[in-house]
């Protein structure tokens, strides 16, 4: 479930910096999306992932390592990003004052962050927010029939601040089978 941006955290100058970060990051994603579409139009095979670095900022509580965007999700969300960029532009450029009571603005900010998190598959958490830290967020959902061998949801090293969420269900696990949700190291 999406987390709304906490106004108490993004008060005053921090609110403008947070909006500016979201605006600039979404702009970088759309540039990469446009370049990918142009390459495809020229006959290139479209990549499934796009490396789109996270813009320099002081508002996130950590850094996003290996910032890779899912090109299919970006295709799906591109129109939403364009609409949200338009809505946040006057605030990011300092043309309009930020009003904490503006519920529509709060919704635009939260939605922009939601889209970025979906496309990157990572959390973007502002300093001072009480939610999962900025970093990798892994979600695995395995629906299995009969298991006669070894099944592992995630076998990885997860960076500090990262999260792993594994859901597994099996109809039956026989005597030779095993189902493991997570195997590896965290932090």
C-alpha atoms as a PDB file:
ATOM      1  CA  UNK A   1       0.000   0.000   0.000  1.00  0.00           C
ATOM      2  CA  UNK A   2       1.390   3.453  -0.867  1.00  0.00           C
ATOM      3  CA  UNK A   3       2.590   5.639   1.958  1.00  0.00           C
ATOM      4  CA  UNK A   4       1.438   9.255   1.910  1.00  0.00           C
ATOM      5  CA  UNK A   5       4.148  11.872   2.264  1.00  0.00           C
ATOM      6  CA  UNK A   6       4.245  13.230   5.800  1.00  0.00           C
ATOM      7  CA  UNK A   7       3.792  17.022   5.787  1.00  0.00           C
ATOM      8  CA  UNK A   8       5.428  17.304   9.203  1.00  0.00           C
ATOM      9  CA  UNK A   9       8.599  15.950   7.633  1.00  0.00           C
ATOM     10  CA  UNK A  10       8.312  18.044   4.481  1.00  0.00           C
ATOM     11  CA  UNK A  11       7.684  21.410   6.074  1.00  0.00           C
ATOM     12  CA  UNK A  12       8.843  24.738   4.642  1.00  0.00           C
ATOM     13  CA  UNK A  13      12.049  24.601   2.629  1.00  0.00           C
ATOM     14  CA  UNK A  14      12.187  20.811   2.881  1.00  0.00           C
ATOM     15  CA  UNK A  15       8.818  20.613   1.104  1.00  0.00           C
ATOM     16  CA  UNK A  16      10.142  22.569  -1.871  1.00  0.00           C
ATOM     17  CA  UNK A  17      13.331  20.482  -1.910  1.00  0.00           C
ATOM     18  CA  UNK A  18      11.270  17.274  -1.771  1.00  0.00           C
ATOM     19  CA  UNK A  19       9.018  18.403  -4.606  1.00  0.00           C
ATOM     20  CA  UNK A  20      12.050  19.528  -6.623  1.00  0.00           C
ATOM     21  CA  UNK A  21      13.704  16.132  -6.140  1.00  0.00           C
ATOM     22  CA  UNK A  22      10.574  14.245  -7.267  1.00  0.00           C
ATOM     23  CA  UNK A  23      10.154  16.581 -10.244  1.00  0.00           C
ATOM     24  CA  UNK A  24      13.779  16.244 -11.355  1.00  0.00           C
ATOM     25  CA  UNK A  25      13.822  12.462 -10.905  1.00  0.00           C
ATOM     26  CA  UNK A  26      10.624  12.035 -12.896  1.00  0.00           C
ATOM     27  CA  UNK A  27      12.084  14.293 -15.607  1.00  0.00           C
ATOM     28  CA  UNK A  28      15.170  12.063 -15.840  1.00  0.00           C
ATOM     29  CA  UNK A  29      12.966   8.984 -16.157  1.00  0.00           C
ATOM     30  CA  UNK A  30      10.925  10.561 -18.936  1.00  0.00           C
ATOM     31  CA  UNK A  31      14.098  11.562 -20.808  1.00  0.00           C
ATOM     32  CA  UNK A  32      15.300   7.944 -20.668  1.00  0.00           C
ATOM     33  CA  UNK A  33      11.835   6.744 -21.738  1.00  0.00           C
ATOM     34  CA  UNK A  34      11.824   9.126 -24.725  1.00  0.00           C
ATOM     35  CA  UNK A  35      15.354   8.058 -25.764  1.00  0.00           C
ATOM     36  CA  UNK A  36      14.302   4.393 -25.538  1.00  0.00           C
ATOM     37  CA  UNK A  37      11.250   5.045 -27.730  1.00  0.00           C
ATOM     38  CA  UNK A  38      13.402   6.880 -30.294  1.00  0.00           C
ATOM     39  CA  UNK A  39      15.879   3.978 -30.383  1.00  0.00           C
ATOM     40  CA  UNK A  40      13.041   1.504 -30.917  1.00  0.00           C
ATOM     41  CA  UNK A  41      11.630   3.665 -33.724  1.00  0.00           C
ATOM     42  CA  UNK A  42      15.091   3.532 -35.331  1.00  0.00           C
ATOM     43  CA  UNK A  43      14.995  -0.287 -35.220  1.00  0.00           C
ATOM     44  CA  UNK A  44      16.833  -1.063 -31.979  1.00  0.00           C
ATOM     45  CA  UNK A  45      15.694  -3.808 -29.622  1.00  0.00           C
ATOM     46  CA  UNK A  46      14.192  -2.128 -26.561  1.00  0.00           C
ATOM     47  CA  UNK A  47      15.961  -2.822 -23.268  1.00  0.00           C
ATOM     48  CA  UNK A  48      13.782  -4.173 -20.466  1.00  0.00           C
ATOM     49  CA  UNK A  49      15.690  -2.118 -17.910  1.00  0.00           C
ATOM     50  CA  UNK A  50      16.990   1.430 -18.008  1.00  0.00           C
ATOM     51  CA  UNK A  51      19.791   2.706 -15.805  1.00  0.00           C
ATOM     52  CA  UNK A  52      18.568   6.119 -14.699  1.00  0.00           C
ATOM     53  CA  UNK A  53      20.718   7.570 -11.894  1.00  0.00           C
ATOM     54  CA  UNK A  54      19.026   9.220  -8.945  1.00  0.00           C
ATOM     55  CA  UNK A  55      19.562  12.985  -9.046  1.00  0.00           C
ATOM     56  CA  UNK A  56      21.766  14.574  -6.399  1.00  0.00           C
ATOM     57  CA  UNK A  57      19.658  15.446  -3.386  1.00  0.00           C
ATOM     58  CA  UNK A  58      19.705  16.075   0.338  1.00  0.00           C
ATOM     59  CA  UNK A  59      16.129  14.999   1.013  1.00  0.00           C
ATOM     60  CA  UNK A  60      16.327  11.199   0.943  1.00  0.00           C
ATOM     61  CA  UNK A  61      17.372   9.283   4.048  1.00  0.00           C
ATOM     62  CA  UNK A  62      19.831   7.177   2.050  1.00  0.00           C
ATOM     63  CA  UNK A  63      20.980   6.453  -1.452  1.00  0.00           C
ATOM     64  CA  UNK A  64      19.603   4.197  -4.129  1.00  0.00           C
ATOM     65  CA  UNK A  65      22.329   1.808  -5.219  1.00  0.00           C
ATOM     66  CA  UNK A  66      22.120   0.466  -8.778  1.00  0.00           C
ATOM     67  CA  UNK A  67      19.170   2.637  -9.877  1.00  0.00           C
ATOM     68  CA  UNK A  68      17.539   0.565 -12.598  1.00  0.00           C
ATOM     69  CA  UNK A  69      14.064   1.382 -13.886  1.00  0.00           C
ATOM     70  CA  UNK A  70      11.709  -1.247 -15.291  1.00  0.00           C
ATOM     71  CA  UNK A  71      11.067  -0.112 -18.878  1.00  0.00           C
ATOM     72  CA  UNK A  72       7.680  -1.869 -19.136  1.00  0.00           C
ATOM     73  CA  UNK A  73       6.448  -0.203 -15.959  1.00  0.00           C
ATOM     74  CA  UNK A  74       7.783   3.121 -17.197  1.00  0.00           C
ATOM     75  CA  UNK A  75       5.863   2.622 -20.456  1.00  0.00           C
ATOM     76  CA  UNK A  76       2.725   1.980 -18.418  1.00  0.00           C
ATOM     77  CA  UNK A  77       3.220   4.949 -16.064  1.00  0.00           C
ATOM     78  CA  UNK A  78       4.629   7.522 -18.513  1.00  0.00           C
ATOM     79  CA  UNK A  79       1.355   9.407 -18.980  1.00  0.00           C
ATOM     80  CA  UNK A  80       0.866   9.603 -15.220  1.00  0.00           C
ATOM     81  CA  UNK A  81       4.394  11.004 -14.851  1.00  0.00           C
ATOM     82  CA  UNK A  82       3.715  13.634 -17.510  1.00  0.00           C
ATOM     83  CA  UNK A  83       0.502  14.693 -15.763  1.00  0.00           C
ATOM     84  CA  UNK A  84       2.180  14.840 -12.348  1.00  0.00           C
ATOM     85  CA  UNK A  85       5.155  16.777 -13.717  1.00  0.00           C
ATOM     86  CA  UNK A  86       2.720  19.371 -14.986  1.00  0.00           C
ATOM     87  CA  UNK A  87       1.005  19.568 -11.607  1.00  0.00           C
ATOM     88  CA  UNK A  88       4.261  19.874  -9.627  1.00  0.00           C
ATOM     89  CA  UNK A  89       6.152  22.148 -12.038  1.00  0.00           C
ATOM     90  CA  UNK A  90       5.097  25.514 -10.541  1.00  0.00           C
ATOM     91  CA  UNK A  91       6.113  24.319  -7.056  1.00  0.00           C
ATOM     92  CA  UNK A  92       9.420  22.787  -8.164  1.00  0.00           C
ATOM     93  CA  UNK A  93      10.312  25.979 -10.011  1.00  0.00           C
ATOM     94  CA  UNK A  94       9.351  28.217  -7.092  1.00  0.00           C
ATOM     95  CA  UNK A  95       6.537  29.946  -8.993  1.00  0.00           C
ATOM     96  CA  UNK A  96       3.850  29.053  -6.445  1.00  0.00           C
ATOM     97  CA  UNK A  97       4.013  28.922  -2.654  1.00  0.00           C
ATOM     98  CA  UNK A  98       3.458  25.567  -1.011  1.00  0.00           C
ATOM     99  CA  UNK A  99       0.389  25.465   1.212  1.00  0.00           C
ATOM    100  CA  UNK A 100       0.441  22.637   3.795  1.00  0.00           C
ATOM    101  CA  UNK A 101      -3.373  22.496   3.736  1.00  0.00           C
ATOM    102  CA  UNK A 102      -3.430  21.779  -0.015  1.00  0.00           C
ATOM    103  CA  UNK A 103      -4.714  18.193  -0.152  1.00  0.00           C
ATOM    104  CA  UNK A 104      -4.470  18.059  -3.942  1.00  0.00           C
ATOM    105  CA  UNK A 105      -0.772  18.977  -3.805  1.00  0.00           C
ATOM    106  CA  UNK A 106      -0.188  16.370  -1.124  1.00  0.00           C
ATOM    107  CA  UNK A 107      -1.888  13.771  -3.349  1.00  0.00           C
ATOM    108  CA  UNK A 108       0.274  14.749  -6.342  1.00  0.00           C
ATOM    109  CA  UNK A 109       3.460  14.462  -4.260  1.00  0.00           C
ATOM    110  CA  UNK A 110       2.456  11.085  -2.841  1.00  0.00           C
ATOM    111  CA  UNK A 111       1.407   9.763  -6.242  1.00  0.00           C
ATOM    112  CA  UNK A 112       4.667  10.929  -7.854  1.00  0.00           C
ATOM    113  CA  UNK A 113       6.677   9.119  -5.211  1.00  0.00           C
ATOM    114  CA  UNK A 114       4.489   6.012  -5.623  1.00  0.00           C
ATOM    115  CA  UNK A 115       5.177   5.937  -9.369  1.00  0.00           C
ATOM    116  CA  UNK A 116       8.933   6.387  -8.863  1.00  0.00           C
ATOM    117  CA  UNK A 117       8.957   3.576  -6.306  1.00  0.00           C
ATOM    118  CA  UNK A 118       7.026   1.253  -8.625  1.00  0.00           C
ATOM    119  CA  UNK A 119       9.241   1.951 -11.641  1.00  0.00           C
ATOM    120  CA  UNK A 120      12.493   1.607  -9.684  1.00  0.00           C
ATOM    121  CA  UNK A 121      11.244  -1.122  -7.361  1.00  0.00           C
ATOM    122  CA  UNK A 122      12.837   0.837  -4.514  1.00  0.00           C
ATOM    123  CA  UNK A 123      11.762   3.007  -1.631  1.00  0.00           C
ATOM    124  CA  UNK A 124      12.274   6.772  -1.814  1.00  0.00           C
ATOM    125  CA  UNK A 125      11.990   7.846   1.825  1.00  0.00           C
ATOM    126  CA  UNK A 126      12.477  11.430   2.923  1.00  0.00           C
ATOM    127  CA  UNK A 127      14.683  12.200   5.916  1.00  0.00           C
ATOM    128  CA  UNK A 128      12.683  11.984   9.132  1.00  0.00           C
ATOM    129  CA  UNK A 129       9.858   9.843   7.761  1.00  0.00           C
ATOM    130  CA  UNK A 130       8.874   6.762   9.695  1.00  0.00           C
ATOM    131  CA  UNK A 131       8.740   4.185   6.910  1.00  0.00           C
ATOM    132  CA  UNK A 132      11.106   1.721   5.283  1.00  0.00           C
ATOM    133  CA  UNK A 133      14.464   3.294   4.458  1.00  0.00           C
ATOM    134  CA  UNK A 134      15.467   4.358   0.974  1.00  0.00           C
ATOM    135  CA  UNK A 135      16.850   1.345  -0.844  1.00  0.00           C
ATOM    136  CA  UNK A 136      15.850  -1.945  -2.299  1.00  0.00           C
ATOM    137  CA  UNK A 137      12.396  -3.322  -1.713  1.00  0.00           C
ATOM    138  CA  UNK A 138      11.961  -6.870  -2.966  1.00  0.00           C
ATOM    139  CA  UNK A 139       8.534  -8.506  -3.279  1.00  0.00           C
ATOM    140  CA  UNK A 140       8.248 -12.178  -4.218  1.00  0.00           C
ATOM    141  CA  UNK A 141       4.966 -14.054  -4.541  1.00  0.00           C
ATOM    142  CA  UNK A 142       5.218 -17.749  -5.376  1.00  0.00           C
ATOM    143  CA  UNK A 143       2.134 -19.884  -5.917  1.00  0.00           C
ATOM    144  CA  UNK A 144       3.286 -23.479  -6.188  1.00  0.00           C
ATOM    145  CA  UNK A 145       1.576 -26.748  -6.946  1.00  0.00           C
ATOM    146  CA  UNK A 146       3.306 -29.881  -5.707  1.00  0.00           C
ATOM    147  CA  UNK A 147       6.912 -29.383  -4.622  1.00  0.00           C
ATOM    148  CA  UNK A 148       9.255 -32.342  -4.977  1.00  0.00           C
ATOM    149  CA  UNK A 149      12.525 -30.396  -4.979  1.00  0.00           C
ATOM    150  CA  UNK A 150      13.972 -27.286  -3.399  1.00  0.00           C
ATOM    151  CA  UNK A 151      12.230 -23.906  -3.784  1.00  0.00           C
ATOM    152  CA  UNK A 152      13.764 -20.645  -2.502  1.00  0.00           C
ATOM    153  CA  UNK A 153      11.864 -17.353  -2.711  1.00  0.00           C
ATOM    154  CA  UNK A 154      14.951 -15.133  -2.401  1.00  0.00           C
ATOM    155  CA  UNK A 155      18.615 -16.140  -2.250  1.00  0.00           C
ATOM    156  CA  UNK A 156      20.501 -12.865  -1.935  1.00  0.00           C
ATOM    157  CA  UNK A 157      22.448 -10.363   0.060  1.00  0.00           C
ATOM    158  CA  UNK A 158      20.203  -7.447   0.933  1.00  0.00           C
ATOM    159  CA  UNK A 159      21.820  -4.061   1.544  1.00  0.00           C
ATOM    160  CA  UNK A 160      21.261  -2.187   4.779  1.00  0.00           C
ATOM    161  CA  UNK A 161      17.946  -0.368   4.544  1.00  0.00           C
ATOM    162  CA  UNK A 162      16.588  -2.881   2.047  1.00  0.00           C
ATOM    163  CA  UNK A 163      13.507  -4.980   2.632  1.00  0.00           C
ATOM    164  CA  UNK A 164      12.437  -8.386   1.422  1.00  0.00           C
ATOM    165  CA  UNK A 165       8.810  -9.493   1.356  1.00  0.00           C
ATOM    166  CA  UNK A 166       8.203 -13.120   0.400  1.00  0.00           C
ATOM    167  CA  UNK A 167       4.801 -14.794   0.084  1.00  0.00           C
ATOM    168  CA  UNK A 168       4.714 -18.483  -0.735  1.00  0.00           C
ATOM    169  CA  UNK A 169       2.013 -21.092  -0.918  1.00  0.00           C
ATOM    170  CA  UNK A 170       2.191 -24.703  -2.032  1.00  0.00           C
ATOM    171  CA  UNK A 171      -0.528 -27.272  -2.549  1.00  0.00           C
ATOM    172  CA  UNK A 172       1.748 -29.992  -1.235  1.00  0.00           C
ATOM    173  CA  UNK A 173       5.432 -30.436  -0.323  1.00  0.00           C
ATOM    174  CA  UNK A 174       6.510 -34.071  -0.476  1.00  0.00           C
ATOM    175  CA  UNK A 175       9.198 -35.721   1.676  1.00  0.00           C
ATOM    176  CA  UNK A 176      11.991 -34.749  -0.746  1.00  0.00           C
ATOM    177  CA  UNK A 177      10.835 -31.159  -1.109  1.00  0.00           C
ATOM    178  CA  UNK A 178      11.520 -27.959   0.780  1.00  0.00           C
ATOM    179  CA  UNK A 179      10.219 -24.404   0.576  1.00  0.00           C
ATOM    180  CA  UNK A 180      12.404 -21.581   1.938  1.00  0.00           C
ATOM    181  CA  UNK A 181      11.272 -17.955   1.919  1.00  0.00           C
ATOM    182  CA  UNK A 182      14.618 -16.174   2.346  1.00  0.00           C
ATOM    183  CA  UNK A 183      18.169 -17.421   2.294  1.00  0.00           C
ATOM    184  CA  UNK A 184      21.078 -15.010   2.515  1.00  0.00           C
ATOM    185  CA  UNK A 185      22.316 -12.049   4.482  1.00  0.00           C
ATOM    186  CA  UNK A 186      20.700  -8.732   5.408  1.00  0.00           C
ATOM    187  CA  UNK A 187      22.765  -5.635   6.164  1.00  0.00           C
END
